[in-house]
Amino acid sequence: MGTIMGTAVALILVIGCVVLSVRALLRDRKNGKCLCGKDCKSCGGHCK
């Protein structure tokens, strides 16, 4: 039972990190930032 609980806790932590990362990426894109770190408004459209 202890290994199952440890695995569940680790899985919840990993899922939480992924959700926070995706949320930050989406928020940055909404604010006009590109994944490459540059401003999407002046990149020529390759970020979209």
Protein backbone atom coordinates (compact mmCIF):
# COMPACT_ATOMS: atom_id res chain seq x y z
CA MET A 1 0.00 0.00 0.00
CA GLY A 2 2.89 2.36 0.74
CA THR A 3 4.39 2.08 -2.75
CA ILE A 4 1.03 2.74 -4.36
CA MET A 5 0.57 5.87 -2.23
CA GLY A 6 4.09 7.08 -3.07
CA THR A 7 3.48 6.51 -6.76
CA ALA A 8 0.17 8.36 -6.60
CA VAL A 9 1.76 11.35 -4.86
CA ALA A 10 4.60 11.46 -7.39
CA LEU A 11 2.12 11.23 -10.27
CA ILE A 12 0.04 14.09 -8.85
CA LEU A 13 3.17 16.24 -8.51
CA VAL A 14 4.27 15.54 -12.09
CA ILE A 15 0.79 16.26 -13.47
CA GLY A 16 0.69 19.50 -11.47
CA CYS A 17 4.05 20.61 -12.91
CA VAL A 18 2.92 19.84 -16.45
CA VAL A 19 -0.34 21.74 -15.97
CA LEU A 20 1.49 24.79 -14.60
CA SER A 21 4.01 24.71 -17.46
CA VAL A 22 1.35 24.49 -20.16
CA ARG A 23 -0.63 27.25 -18.47
CA ALA A 24 2.44 29.52 -18.45
CA LEU A 25 3.12 28.79 -22.13
CA LEU A 26 -0.46 29.59 -23.09
CA ARG A 27 -0.44 32.79 -21.05
CA ASP A 28 2.82 33.90 -22.69
CA ARG A 29 1.47 33.16 -26.15
CA LYS A 30 -1.71 35.09 -25.37
CA ASN A 31 0.45 38.05 -24.32
CA GLY A 32 2.27 37.94 -27.67
CA LYS A 33 5.41 36.06 -26.66
CA CYS A 34 6.81 33.19 -28.70
CA LEU A 35 8.21 29.88 -27.46
CA CYS A 36 11.57 30.92 -28.92
CA GLY A 37 11.62 33.87 -26.51
CA LYS A 38 11.07 36.58 -29.08
CA ASP A 39 8.13 38.84 -29.72
CA CYS A 40 5.64 37.10 -32.05
CA LYS A 41 4.46 40.41 -33.46
CA SER A 42 7.79 40.98 -35.20
CA CYS A 43 8.88 37.40 -35.99
CA GLY A 44 7.24 37.08 -39.41
CA GLY A 45 4.64 34.54 -38.36
CA HIS A 46 6.71 31.39 -37.78
CA CYS A 47 5.56 31.25 -34.14
CA LYS A 48 1.94 30.60 -35.07
